[in-house]
Amino acid sequence: MVLAESKTISFDDFITWLPERSEYRYELRDGEILELPKQPTISVYCLVDGEYDLHQFRSSELIKSPTFPDLELSIDRMG
């Protein structure tokens, strides 16, 4: 983890500062902003009883899809 800011800030200031698009993910911990690499994520949406159910998969997790039950794919295998 890398500190992006060295001063202590409030949650409201963090939300105001937070970039909309970045190659990093940011967290506020004890008033300090942490800059973390984003983790690639695949989202699979399934329609269940008229509402979409979201499942997210990262890294080496096998992607599970009711539409493609025999799919054996992970993000690691894509890259």
PDB file of N, CA and C in Angstrom:
ATOM      1  N   MET A   1       0.831  -1.177   0.000  1.00  0.00           N
ATOM      2  CA  MET A   1       0.000   0.000   0.000  1.00  0.00           C
ATOM      3  C   MET A   1       0.879   1.246   0.000  1.00  0.00           C
ATOM      4  N   VAL A   2       0.456   2.217  -0.746  1.00  0.00           N
ATOM      5  CA  VAL A   2       1.201   3.467  -0.855  1.00  0.00           C
ATOM      6  C   VAL A   2       0.300   4.611  -0.414  1.00  0.00           C
ATOM      7  N   LEU A   3       0.812   5.462   0.433  1.00  0.00           N
ATOM      8  CA  LEU A   3       0.040   6.621   0.864  1.00  0.00           C
ATOM      9  C   LEU A   3       0.022   7.656  -0.244  1.00  0.00           C
ATOM     10  N   ALA A   4      -1.164   8.084  -0.621  1.00  0.00           N
ATOM     11  CA  ALA A   4      -1.303   9.090  -1.664  1.00  0.00           C
ATOM     12  C   ALA A   4      -1.253  10.500  -1.066  1.00  0.00           C
ATOM     13  N   GLU A   5      -1.661  10.647   0.158  1.00  0.00           N
ATOM     14  CA  GLU A   5      -1.672  11.937   0.851  1.00  0.00           C
ATOM     15  C   GLU A   5      -1.059  11.718   2.231  1.00  0.00           C
ATOM     16  N   SER A   6      -0.357  12.715   2.753  1.00  0.00           N
ATOM     17  CA  SER A   6       0.268  12.537   4.061  1.00  0.00           C
ATOM     18  C   SER A   6      -0.496  13.222   5.190  1.00  0.00           C
ATOM     19  N   LYS A   7      -1.430  14.132   4.871  1.00  0.00           N
ATOM     20  CA  LYS A   7      -2.177  14.811   5.926  1.00  0.00           C
ATOM     21  C   LYS A   7      -3.461  14.036   6.246  1.00  0.00           C
ATOM     22  N   THR A   8      -3.982  14.254   7.447  1.00  0.00           N
ATOM     23  CA  THR A   8      -5.214  13.616   7.870  1.00  0.00           C
ATOM     24  C   THR A   8      -6.389  14.403   7.288  1.00  0.00           C
ATOM     25  N   ILE A   9      -7.344  13.677   6.672  1.00  0.00           N
ATOM     26  CA  ILE A   9      -8.508  14.349   6.083  1.00  0.00           C
ATOM     27  C   ILE A   9      -9.794  13.674   6.548  1.00  0.00           C
ATOM     28  N   SER A  10     -10.893  14.374   6.375  1.00  0.00           N
ATOM     29  CA  SER A  10     -12.210  13.851   6.767  1.00  0.00           C
ATOM     30  C   SER A  10     -12.793  13.024   5.623  1.00  0.00           C
ATOM     31  N   PHE A  11     -13.830  12.276   5.926  1.00  0.00           N
ATOM     32  CA  PHE A  11     -14.509  11.484   4.901  1.00  0.00           C
ATOM     33  C   PHE A  11     -15.088  12.388   3.808  1.00  0.00           C
ATOM     34  N   ASP A  12     -15.712  13.503   4.215  1.00  0.00           N
ATOM     35  CA  ASP A  12     -16.283  14.435   3.233  1.00  0.00           C
ATOM     36  C   ASP A  12     -15.211  14.976   2.288  1.00  0.00           C
ATOM     37  N   ASP A  13     -14.031  15.319   2.833  1.00  0.00           N
ATOM     38  CA  ASP A  13     -12.929  15.800   1.998  1.00  0.00           C
ATOM     39  C   ASP A  13     -12.430  14.689   1.073  1.00  0.00           C
ATOM     40  N   PHE A  14     -12.406  13.457   1.575  1.00  0.00           N
ATOM     41  CA  PHE A  14     -11.989  12.308   0.763  1.00  0.00           C
ATOM     42  C   PHE A  14     -12.934  12.126  -0.425  1.00  0.00           C
ATOM     43  N   ILE A  15     -14.226  12.197  -0.185  1.00  0.00           N
ATOM     44  CA  ILE A  15     -15.217  12.036  -1.256  1.00  0.00           C
ATOM     45  C   ILE A  15     -15.066  13.152  -2.295  1.00  0.00           C
ATOM     46  N   THR A  16     -14.818  14.374  -1.840  1.00  0.00           N
ATOM     47  CA  THR A  16     -14.606  15.491  -2.753  1.00  0.00           C
ATOM     48  C   THR A  16     -13.338  15.294  -3.581  1.00  0.00           C
ATOM     49  N   TRP A  17     -12.274  14.798  -2.962  1.00  0.00           N
ATOM     50  CA  TRP A  17     -10.981  14.592  -3.621  1.00  0.00           C
ATOM     51  C   TRP A  17     -10.986  13.393  -4.579  1.00  0.00           C
ATOM     52  N   LEU A  18     -11.764  12.375  -4.268  1.00  0.00           N
ATOM     53  CA  LEU A  18     -11.718  11.091  -4.968  1.00  0.00           C
ATOM     54  C   LEU A  18     -11.887  11.254  -6.483  1.00  0.00           C
ATOM     55  N   PRO A  19     -10.890  10.815  -7.283  1.00  0.00           N
ATOM     56  CA  PRO A  19     -11.019  10.926  -8.738  1.00  0.00           C
ATOM     57  C   PRO A  19     -12.109   9.989  -9.269  1.00  0.00           C
ATOM     58  N   GLU A  20     -12.812  10.430 -10.313  1.00  0.00           N
ATOM     59  CA  GLU A  20     -13.869   9.588 -10.900  1.00  0.00           C
ATOM     60  C   GLU A  20     -13.280   8.365 -11.589  1.00  0.00           C
ATOM     61  N   ARG A  21     -12.211   8.569 -12.327  1.00  0.00           N
ATOM     62  CA  ARG A  21     -11.581   7.466 -13.056  1.00  0.00           C
ATOM     63  C   ARG A  21     -10.091   7.465 -12.720  1.00  0.00           C
ATOM     64  N   SER A  22      -9.607   6.292 -12.383  1.00  0.00           N
ATOM     65  CA  SER A  22      -8.200   6.169 -12.029  1.00  0.00           C
ATOM     66  C   SER A  22      -7.769   4.725 -12.242  1.00  0.00           C
ATOM     67  N   GLU A  23      -6.488   4.538 -12.453  1.00  0.00           N
ATOM     68  CA  GLU A  23      -5.972   3.179 -12.552  1.00  0.00           C
ATOM     69  C   GLU A  23      -5.738   2.589 -11.159  1.00  0.00           C
ATOM     70  N   TYR A  24      -6.030   3.396 -10.131  1.00  0.00           N
ATOM     71  CA  TYR A  24      -5.878   2.947  -8.754  1.00  0.00           C
ATOM     72  C   TYR A  24      -7.212   2.983  -8.016  1.00  0.00           C
ATOM     73  N   ARG A  25      -7.248   2.252  -6.931  1.00  0.00           N
ATOM     74  CA  ARG A  25      -8.393   2.249  -6.028  1.00  0.00           C
ATOM     75  C   ARG A  25      -7.921   2.951  -4.769  1.00  0.00           C
ATOM     76  N   TYR A  26      -8.775   3.766  -4.195  1.00  0.00           N
ATOM     77  CA  TYR A  26      -8.388   4.533  -3.016  1.00  0.00           C
ATOM     78  C   TYR A  26      -9.254   4.157  -1.827  1.00  0.00           C
ATOM     79  N   GLU A  27      -8.616   4.142  -0.654  1.00  0.00           N
ATOM     80  CA  GLU A  27      -9.332   3.905   0.598  1.00  0.00           C
ATOM     81  C   GLU A  27      -8.906   4.972   1.589  1.00  0.00           C
ATOM     82  N   LEU A  28      -9.822   5.309   2.486  1.00  0.00           N
ATOM     83  CA  LEU A  28      -9.514   6.240   3.566  1.00  0.00           C
ATOM     84  C   LEU A  28      -9.429   5.425   4.851  1.00  0.00           C
ATOM     85  N   ARG A  29      -8.245   5.427   5.456  1.00  0.00           N
ATOM     86  CA  ARG A  29      -8.041   4.694   6.715  1.00  0.00           C
ATOM     87  C   ARG A  29      -7.404   5.627   7.732  1.00  0.00           C
ATOM     88  N   ASP A  30      -8.069   5.780   8.844  1.00  0.00           N
ATOM     89  CA  ASP A  30      -7.569   6.642   9.928  1.00  0.00           C
ATOM     90  C   ASP A  30      -7.193   8.028   9.413  1.00  0.00           C
ATOM     91  N   GLY A  31      -8.010   8.559   8.489  1.00  0.00           N
ATOM     92  CA  GLY A  31      -7.790   9.907   7.995  1.00  0.00           C
ATOM     93  C   GLY A  31      -6.720  10.031   6.928  1.00  0.00           C
ATOM     94  N   GLU A  32      -6.138   8.908   6.492  1.00  0.00           N
ATOM     95  CA  GLU A  32      -5.114   8.942   5.456  1.00  0.00           C
ATOM     96  C   GLU A  32      -5.608   8.204   4.217  1.00  0.00           C
ATOM     97  N   ILE A  33      -5.263   8.751   3.048  1.00  0.00           N
ATOM     98  CA  ILE A  33      -5.668   8.134   1.785  1.00  0.00           C
ATOM     99  C   ILE A  33      -4.639   7.091   1.386  1.00  0.00           C
ATOM    100  N   LEU A  34      -5.119   5.900   1.116  1.00  0.00           N
ATOM    101  CA  LEU A  34      -4.262   4.817   0.635  1.00  0.00           C
ATOM    102  C   LEU A  34      -4.537   4.607  -0.848  1.00  0.00           C
ATOM    103  N   GLU A  35      -3.465   4.484  -1.616  1.00  0.00           N
ATOM    104  CA  GLU A  35      -3.568   4.235  -3.052  1.00  0.00           C
ATOM    105  C   GLU A  35      -3.236   2.760  -3.280  1.00  0.00           C
ATOM    106  N   LEU A  36      -4.187   2.018  -3.854  1.00  0.00           N
ATOM    107  CA  LEU A  36      -4.026   0.583  -4.053  1.00  0.00           C
ATOM    108  C   LEU A  36      -4.258   0.250  -5.528  1.00  0.00           C
ATOM    109  N   PRO A  37      -3.541  -0.748  -6.048  1.00  0.00           N
ATOM    110  CA  PRO A  37      -3.816  -1.127  -7.434  1.00  0.00           C
ATOM    111  C   PRO A  37      -5.204  -1.730  -7.543  1.00  0.00           C
ATOM    112  N   LYS A  38      -5.859  -1.464  -8.660  1.00  0.00           N
ATOM    113  CA  LYS A  38      -7.172  -2.068  -8.875  1.00  0.00           C
ATOM    114  C   LYS A  38      -6.986  -3.544  -9.169  1.00  0.00           C
ATOM    115  N   GLN A  39      -7.940  -4.336  -8.736  1.00  0.00           N
ATOM    116  CA  GLN A  39      -7.920  -5.762  -8.995  1.00  0.00           C
ATOM    117  C   GLN A  39      -8.921  -6.041 -10.115  1.00  0.00           C
ATOM    118  N   PRO A  40      -8.450  -6.621 -11.230  1.00  0.00           N
ATOM    119  CA  PRO A  40      -9.389  -6.914 -12.314  1.00  0.00           C
ATOM    120  C   PRO A  40     -10.564  -7.758 -11.813  1.00  0.00           C
ATOM    121  N   THR A  41     -11.753  -7.392 -12.262  1.00  0.00           N
ATOM    122  CA  THR A  41     -12.970  -8.054 -11.804  1.00  0.00           C
ATOM    123  C   THR A  41     -13.888  -8.331 -12.991  1.00  0.00           C
ATOM    124  N   ILE A  42     -14.477  -9.507 -13.012  1.00  0.00           N
ATOM    125  CA  ILE A  42     -15.503  -9.861 -13.997  1.00  0.00           C
ATOM    126  C   ILE A  42     -16.830  -9.920 -13.248  1.00  0.00           C
ATOM    127  N   SER A  43     -17.843  -9.256 -13.783  1.00  0.00           N
ATOM    128  CA  SER A  43     -19.177  -9.278 -13.180  1.00  0.00           C
ATOM    129  C   SER A  43     -20.106 -10.100 -14.055  1.00  0.00           C
ATOM    130  N   VAL A  44     -20.841 -11.009 -13.425  1.00  0.00           N
ATOM    131  CA  VAL A  44     -21.829 -11.826 -14.120  1.00  0.00           C
ATOM    132  C   VAL A  44     -23.191 -11.518 -13.502  1.00  0.00           C
ATOM    133  N   TYR A  45     -24.115 -11.083 -14.344  1.00  0.00           N
ATOM    134  CA  TYR A  45     -25.472 -10.762 -13.899  1.00  0.00           C
ATOM    135  C   TYR A  45     -26.413 -11.868 -14.358  1.00  0.00           C
ATOM    136  N   CYS A  46     -27.235 -12.363 -13.451  1.00  0.00           N
ATOM    137  CA  CYS A  46     -28.221 -13.398 -13.772  1.00  0.00           C
ATOM    138  C   CYS A  46     -29.608 -12.887 -13.384  1.00  0.00           C
ATOM    139  N   LEU A  47     -30.548 -13.029 -14.291  1.00  0.00           N
ATOM    140  CA  LEU A  47     -31.919 -12.606 -14.022  1.00  0.00           C
ATOM    141  C   LEU A  47     -32.613 -13.687 -13.200  1.00  0.00           C
ATOM    142  N   VAL A  48     -32.996 -13.328 -11.976  1.00  0.00           N
ATOM    143  CA  VAL A  48     -33.641 -14.259 -11.054  1.00  0.00           C
ATOM    144  C   VAL A  48     -34.920 -13.604 -10.538  1.00  0.00           C
ATOM    145  N   ASP A  49     -36.053 -14.202 -10.829  1.00  0.00           N
ATOM    146  CA  ASP A  49     -37.355 -13.681 -10.374  1.00  0.00           C
ATOM    147  C   ASP A  49     -37.545 -12.203 -10.715  1.00  0.00           C
ATOM    148  N   GLY A  50     -37.154 -11.821 -11.927  1.00  0.00           N
ATOM    149  CA  GLY A  50     -37.365 -10.458 -12.391  1.00  0.00           C
ATOM    150  C   GLY A  50     -36.337  -9.438 -11.929  1.00  0.00           C
ATOM    151  N   GLU A  51     -35.317  -9.863 -11.163  1.00  0.00           N
ATOM    152  CA  GLU A  51     -34.271  -8.954 -10.712  1.00  0.00           C
ATOM    153  C   GLU A  51     -32.907  -9.553 -11.040  1.00  0.00           C
ATOM    154  N   TYR A  52     -31.951  -8.665 -11.302  1.00  0.00           N
ATOM    155  CA  TYR A  52     -30.609  -9.142 -11.625  1.00  0.00           C
ATOM    156  C   TYR A  52     -29.815  -9.419 -10.357  1.00  0.00           C
ATOM    157  N   ASP A  53     -29.191 -10.588 -10.332  1.00  0.00           N
ATOM    158  CA  ASP A  53     -28.345 -11.024  -9.239  1.00  0.00           C
ATOM    159  C   ASP A  53     -26.898 -10.870  -9.715  1.00  0.00           C
ATOM    160  N   LEU A  54     -26.072 -10.163  -8.959  1.00  0.00           N
ATOM    161  CA  LEU A  54     -24.695  -9.876  -9.350  1.00  0.00           C
ATOM    162  C   LEU A  54     -23.726 -10.810  -8.637  1.00  0.00           C
ATOM    163  N   HIS A  55     -22.812 -11.389  -9.412  1.00  0.00           N
ATOM    164  CA  HIS A  55     -21.712 -12.188  -8.865  1.00  0.00           C
ATOM    165  C   HIS A  55     -20.429 -11.637  -9.461  1.00  0.00           C
ATOM    166  N   GLN A  56     -19.423 -11.371  -8.616  1.00  0.00           N
ATOM    167  CA  GLN A  56     -18.153 -10.854  -9.102  1.00  0.00           C
ATOM    168  C   GLN A  56     -17.045 -11.859  -8.843  1.00  0.00           C
ATOM    169  N   PHE A  57     -16.143 -11.955  -9.818  1.00  0.00           N
ATOM    170  CA  PHE A  57     -15.049 -12.920  -9.758  1.00  0.00           C
ATOM    171  C   PHE A  57     -13.733 -12.187  -9.997  1.00  0.00           C
ATOM    172  N   ARG A  58     -12.697 -12.588  -9.247  1.00  0.00           N
ATOM    173  CA  ARG A  58     -11.383 -11.946  -9.339  1.00  0.00           C
ATOM    174  C   ARG A  58     -10.283 -12.992  -9.471  1.00  0.00           C
ATOM    175  N   SER A  59      -9.169 -12.568 -10.058  1.00  0.00           N
ATOM    176  CA  SER A  59      -7.926 -13.341 -10.152  1.00  0.00           C
ATOM    177  C   SER A  59      -8.131 -14.768 -10.627  1.00  0.00           C
ATOM    178  N   SER A  60      -7.839 -15.716  -9.750  1.00  0.00           N
ATOM    179  CA  SER A  60      -7.874 -17.122 -10.150  1.00  0.00           C
ATOM    180  C   SER A  60      -9.225 -17.792  -9.900  1.00  0.00           C
ATOM    181  N   GLU A  61     -10.222 -17.044  -9.391  1.00  0.00           N
ATOM    182  CA  GLU A  61     -11.539 -17.633  -9.169  1.00  0.00           C
ATOM    183  C   GLU A  61     -12.148 -18.050 -10.508  1.00  0.00           C
ATOM    184  N   LEU A  62     -12.694 -19.257 -10.552  1.00  0.00           N
ATOM    185  CA  LEU A  62     -13.372 -19.696 -11.772  1.00  0.00           C
ATOM    186  C   LEU A  62     -14.694 -18.958 -11.916  1.00  0.00           C
ATOM    187  N   ILE A  63     -14.934 -18.446 -13.124  1.00  0.00           N
ATOM    188  CA  ILE A  63     -16.170 -17.722 -13.406  1.00  0.00           C
ATOM    189  C   ILE A  63     -17.301 -18.742 -13.516  1.00  0.00           C
ATOM    190  N   LYS A  64     -18.360 -18.518 -12.753  1.00  0.00           N
ATOM    191  CA  LYS A  64     -19.511 -19.424 -12.761  1.00  0.00           C
ATOM    192  C   LYS A  64     -20.693 -18.713 -13.389  1.00  0.00           C
ATOM    193  N   SER A  65     -21.283 -19.364 -14.376  1.00  0.00           N
ATOM    194  CA  SER A  65     -22.415 -18.775 -15.077  1.00  0.00           C
ATOM    195  C   SER A  65     -23.451 -19.856 -15.341  1.00  0.00           C
ATOM    196  N   PRO A  66     -24.717 -19.642 -14.935  1.00  0.00           N
ATOM    197  CA  PRO A  66     -25.744 -20.631 -15.224  1.00  0.00           C
ATOM    198  C   PRO A  66     -25.995 -20.769 -16.727  1.00  0.00           C
ATOM    199  N   THR A  67     -25.693 -19.725 -17.488  1.00  0.00           N
ATOM    200  CA  THR A  67     -25.879 -19.784 -18.934  1.00  0.00           C
ATOM    201  C   THR A  67     -24.823 -20.666 -19.591  1.00  0.00           C
ATOM    202  N   PHE A  68     -23.609 -20.655 -19.033  1.00  0.00           N
ATOM    203  CA  PHE A  68     -22.503 -21.459 -19.557  1.00  0.00           C
ATOM    204  C   PHE A  68     -21.929 -22.325 -18.431  1.00  0.00           C
ATOM    205  N   PRO A  69     -22.628 -23.388 -18.035  1.00  0.00           N
ATOM    206  CA  PRO A  69     -22.208 -24.182 -16.873  1.00  0.00           C
ATOM    207  C   PRO A  69     -20.859 -24.890 -17.067  1.00  0.00           C
ATOM    208  N   ASP A  70     -20.450 -25.127 -18.296  1.00  0.00           N
ATOM    209  CA  ASP A  70     -19.181 -25.822 -18.543  1.00  0.00           C
ATOM    210  C   ASP A  70     -18.003 -24.865 -18.703  1.00  0.00           C
ATOM    211  N   LEU A  71     -18.242 -23.582 -18.537  1.00  0.00           N
ATOM    212  CA  LEU A  71     -17.195 -22.576 -18.679  1.00  0.00           C
ATOM    213  C   LEU A  71     -16.145 -22.755 -17.593  1.00  0.00           C
ATOM    214  N   GLU A  72     -14.901 -22.895 -17.994  1.00  0.00           N
ATOM    215  CA  GLU A  72     -13.787 -22.991 -17.032  1.00  0.00           C
ATOM    216  C   GLU A  72     -12.797 -21.888 -17.369  1.00  0.00           C
ATOM    217  N   LEU A  73     -13.075 -20.709 -16.858  1.00  0.00           N
ATOM    218  CA  LEU A  73     -12.282 -19.542 -17.200  1.00  0.00           C
ATOM    219  C   LEU A  73     -12.114 -18.657 -15.971  1.00  0.00           C
ATOM    220  N   SER A  74     -10.930 -18.078 -15.833  1.00  0.00           N
ATOM    221  CA  SER A  74     -10.659 -17.118 -14.755  1.00  0.00           C
ATOM    222  C   SER A  74      -9.973 -15.909 -15.380  1.00  0.00           C
ATOM    223  N   ILE A  75      -9.904 -14.827 -14.639  1.00  0.00           N
ATOM    224  CA  ILE A  75      -9.244 -13.629 -15.137  1.00  0.00           C
ATOM    225  C   ILE A  75      -7.764 -13.918 -15.397  1.00  0.00           C
ATOM    226  N   ASP A  76      -7.138 -14.701 -14.542  1.00  0.00           N
ATOM    227  CA  ASP A  76      -5.718 -15.045 -14.729  1.00  0.00           C
ATOM    228  C   ASP A  76      -5.493 -15.732 -16.067  1.00  0.00           C
ATOM    229  N   ARG A  77      -6.432 -16.545 -16.492  1.00  0.00           N
ATOM    230  CA  ARG A  77      -6.297 -17.259 -17.771  1.00  0.00           C
ATOM    231  C   ARG A  77      -6.509 -16.338 -18.965  1.00  0.00           C
ATOM    232  N   MET A  78      -7.173 -15.197 -18.751  1.00  0.00           N
ATOM    233  CA  MET A  78      -7.445 -14.265 -19.854  1.00  0.00           C
ATOM    234  C   MET A  78      -6.231 -13.407 -20.174  1.00  0.00           C
ATOM    235  N   GLY A  79      -5.421 -13.120 -19.167  1.00  0.00           N
ATOM    236  CA  GLY A  79      -4.337 -12.156 -19.330  1.00  0.00           C
ATOM    237  C   GLY A  79      -3.103 -12.758 -19.840  1.00  0.00           C
TER     238      GLY A  79
END
